[in-house]
Structure formats: structure tokens, C-alpha cells
């Protein structure tokens, strides 16, 4: 996407679940792995979905909250900072580049949490350069048909 084709994507707002940046009117369906986004003066790139953990459950006082949050697929996402800059509430959020239009975060997050993920799909996902190393590694492990992921420690803290 050329800079001239960049489009307004949302607006920065206050967070509610420990996030550093919260953007109105954008969901995991709207964001693709690798999207390069200008937020205020900063330039960031979408690298992975969030992994809900037991701390969220403790924070809200619901033992099942992390698992419910994960099941919703609306976990949020992480950015890598490409260019530091000042970001203020109300700043515009501009999509600058979309190198992986075939990989909306909603699909990638669903795949990451799918215990029966097709190993061939896991292998493809493990090769997306824009994904964080930890998610590429997670997908590489899931490409082994015998691999079984244990999420109990992350989700329940035990």
C-alpha cells in the first residue's frame, strides 16, 4: 500500500485490560499480521495476538475469564515499534502497509488456539516473517501432528 493510499483506521482511546494502546472501531477482523500502522507520530507493526493468562482472571475476579477471553477470539494484539513517536488519546490511526492481506488476525488467533489445527496450516503460519518469533515457534510446534499444547498453566495459573 502506497503512502498515498493510506487510510484512517481508528482513533486512540483509554485502555481497560492493561493494554498500552486501545483503538476504537478496529477488531481482529480488521487487522492483518504485518500491518504497518501510524499512531500519532509512531510507526508500529502488528506481530501477534495476545495470549490471555490467569492474571486477567485474577484482575476481574472470575476464575474462567482468561479462558473465556481466549475463546472469544477478541484478545487484542501486539505491535513491534518500527519508529518511536509521541502518541496521544484521540490521535488518528492510519494503516500504511498491509504485506499479509490474506492473514487477518482473527484467523491467525483462532489457529493459534485451535488444539486440532491442521499441521499443514500450522507450517504455513510458522513461515510468516511478520509474526513474532514466539508465535512462529508455536505454530512450528503445532505442525507436528503428535504435538499437544498444554495451556492450563497460562490460563489457570496451575
Protein backbone atom coordinates (compact mmCIF):
# COMPACT_ATOMS: atom_id res chain seq x y z
CA UNK A 1 0.00 0.00 0.00
CA UNK A 2 1.47 3.34 -1.02
CA UNK A 3 1.53 6.19 1.50
CA UNK A 4 -0.94 7.99 -0.76
CA UNK A 5 -3.30 5.02 -0.31
CA UNK A 6 -3.03 5.03 3.49
CA UNK A 7 -6.40 5.22 5.18
CA UNK A 8 -7.77 6.33 8.52
CA UNK A 9 -8.21 3.24 10.60
CA UNK A 10 -9.44 4.33 14.02
CA UNK A 11 -8.70 6.56 16.96
CA UNK A 12 -6.64 6.04 20.13
CA UNK A 13 -8.65 5.73 23.36
CA UNK A 14 -8.11 4.75 27.01
CA UNK A 15 -7.49 1.06 27.72
CA UNK A 16 -9.30 -1.21 30.15
CA UNK A 17 -7.38 -4.52 30.32
CA UNK A 18 -3.77 -3.43 30.82
CA UNK A 19 -3.13 -2.55 27.20
CA UNK A 20 -0.81 0.31 26.34
CA UNK A 21 -2.86 1.44 23.34
CA UNK A 22 -6.55 0.92 22.72
CA UNK A 23 -8.03 1.80 19.34
CA UNK A 24 -11.72 2.42 18.78
CA UNK A 25 -13.63 0.68 16.00
CA UNK A 26 -10.92 -1.82 14.99
CA UNK A 27 -11.19 -5.54 15.69
CA UNK A 28 -9.15 -8.63 14.93
CA UNK A 29 -11.19 -8.95 11.72
CA UNK A 30 -9.87 -5.58 10.50
CA UNK A 31 -6.17 -6.08 11.25
CA UNK A 32 -3.78 -8.40 9.41
CA UNK A 33 -0.48 -9.83 10.59
CA UNK A 34 2.25 -7.46 9.48
CA UNK A 35 0.05 -4.37 9.12
CA UNK A 36 2.17 -1.24 9.47
CA UNK A 37 0.19 1.44 11.25
CA UNK A 38 0.95 5.05 12.08
CA UNK A 39 -0.38 6.01 15.50
CA UNK A 40 0.29 9.65 16.22
CA UNK A 41 3.99 10.09 15.46
CA UNK A 42 4.85 6.39 15.99
CA UNK A 43 5.03 3.67 13.36
CA UNK A 44 4.18 0.15 14.55
CA UNK A 45 3.64 -3.30 13.05
CA UNK A 46 1.11 -5.96 14.12
CA UNK A 47 3.05 -9.07 15.19
CA UNK A 48 0.70 -11.39 17.10
CA UNK A 49 -2.48 -11.74 19.09
CA UNK A 50 -2.43 -11.52 22.86
CA UNK A 51 -2.30 -14.67 24.96
CA UNK A 52 -4.78 -14.26 27.82
CA UNK A 53 -3.45 -15.57 31.12
CA UNK A 54 -4.54 -16.21 34.69
CA UNK A 55 -3.62 -12.64 35.70
CA UNK A 56 -6.66 -11.38 33.78
CA UNK A 57 -8.88 -13.78 35.73
CA UNK A 58 -7.39 -12.55 38.99
CA UNK A 59 -7.76 -8.91 37.95
CA UNK A 60 -11.50 -9.21 37.25
CA UNK A 61 -12.25 -11.78 39.98
CA UNK A 62 -13.52 -14.50 37.59
CA UNK A 63 -11.63 -17.78 37.54
CA UNK A 64 -12.72 -18.53 33.96
CA UNK A 65 -12.13 -15.07 32.48
CA UNK A 66 -8.83 -15.84 30.67
CA UNK A 67 -10.30 -18.96 29.05
CA UNK A 68 -13.48 -17.08 28.07
CA UNK A 69 -11.40 -14.22 26.66
CA UNK A 70 -9.32 -16.67 24.62
CA UNK A 71 -12.42 -18.49 23.36
CA UNK A 72 -13.92 -15.17 22.18
CA UNK A 73 -11.01 -14.62 19.78
CA UNK A 74 -11.08 -10.94 20.76
CA UNK A 75 -7.76 -10.99 22.56
CA UNK A 76 -6.19 -7.89 21.09
CA UNK A 77 -2.73 -7.83 19.56
CA UNK A 78 0.84 -6.75 19.99
CA UNK A 79 2.89 -4.34 17.92
CA UNK A 80 6.60 -4.07 17.28
CA UNK A 81 7.76 -0.47 17.25
CA UNK A 82 9.29 0.49 13.90
CA UNK A 83 9.63 4.20 14.71
CA UNK A 84 9.19 5.72 18.14
CA UNK A 85 6.99 8.77 18.49
CA UNK A 86 4.52 10.60 20.67
CA UNK A 87 1.03 9.04 20.86
CA UNK A 88 -1.89 10.85 22.49
CA UNK A 89 -5.51 9.96 23.14
CA UNK A 90 -7.54 10.97 20.09
CA UNK A 91 -4.64 10.63 17.64
CA UNK A 92 -5.61 9.18 14.27
CA UNK A 93 -4.60 5.62 13.46
CA UNK A 94 -3.54 5.22 9.83
CA UNK A 95 -2.98 1.93 8.01
CA UNK A 96 0.21 2.47 5.98
CA UNK A 97 1.07 -1.02 4.65
CA UNK A 98 -0.59 -4.44 4.51
CA UNK A 99 2.02 -7.04 3.49
CA UNK A 100 -0.13 -10.05 4.52
CA UNK A 101 -3.71 -9.29 3.39
CA UNK A 102 -4.60 -12.98 3.44
CA UNK A 103 -3.92 -13.32 7.17
CA UNK A 104 -6.44 -11.33 9.22
CA UNK A 105 -5.60 -11.56 12.89
CA UNK A 106 -8.97 -13.19 13.64
CA UNK A 107 -7.93 -16.23 11.57
CA UNK A 108 -4.39 -16.35 12.98
CA UNK A 109 -5.63 -16.09 16.60
CA UNK A 110 -8.23 -18.82 16.02
CA UNK A 111 -5.50 -21.03 14.55
CA UNK A 112 -3.12 -20.36 17.45
CA UNK A 113 -5.72 -21.53 19.98
CA UNK A 114 -7.08 -24.45 17.92
CA UNK A 115 -5.99 -27.73 19.56
CA UNK A 116 -6.81 -29.63 16.35
CA UNK A 117 -5.06 -27.26 13.93
CA UNK A 118 -4.16 -28.83 10.59
CA UNK A 119 -0.37 -29.34 10.69
CA UNK A 120 -0.02 -28.04 7.12
CA UNK A 121 -1.73 -24.77 8.09
CA UNK A 122 0.46 -24.55 11.20
CA UNK A 123 3.54 -24.95 8.99
CA UNK A 124 2.37 -22.15 6.67
CA UNK A 125 1.74 -19.85 9.63
CA UNK A 126 5.16 -20.65 11.13
CA UNK A 127 6.73 -19.16 7.99
CA UNK A 128 5.10 -15.71 8.11
CA UNK A 129 8.08 -13.43 8.69
CA UNK A 130 5.96 -10.63 10.18
CA UNK A 131 4.71 -12.87 13.02
CA UNK A 132 6.60 -12.66 16.29
CA UNK A 133 9.21 -15.34 16.87
CA UNK A 134 7.19 -16.83 19.74
CA UNK A 135 4.09 -17.30 17.55
CA UNK A 136 6.13 -18.67 14.65
CA UNK A 137 7.70 -21.13 17.11
CA UNK A 138 4.28 -22.03 18.50
CA UNK A 139 2.98 -22.77 15.02
CA UNK A 140 6.12 -24.76 14.21
CA UNK A 141 5.43 -26.97 17.24
CA UNK A 142 1.80 -27.35 16.13
CA UNK A 143 2.97 -28.54 12.71
CA UNK A 144 3.91 -31.83 14.41
CA UNK A 145 0.70 -33.91 14.27
CA UNK A 146 1.59 -35.53 17.62
CA UNK A 147 2.08 -32.25 19.49
CA UNK A 148 -0.45 -31.46 22.22
CA UNK A 149 -0.30 -28.00 23.75
CA UNK A 150 -0.98 -27.65 27.47
CA UNK A 151 -2.46 -24.21 28.23
CA UNK A 152 -3.50 -24.92 31.83
CA UNK A 153 -0.60 -23.06 33.44
CA UNK A 154 -1.15 -19.94 31.33
CA UNK A 155 -4.95 -19.90 31.65
CA UNK A 156 -5.43 -21.13 35.21
CA UNK A 157 -2.07 -20.38 36.83
CA UNK A 158 -1.60 -24.00 37.88
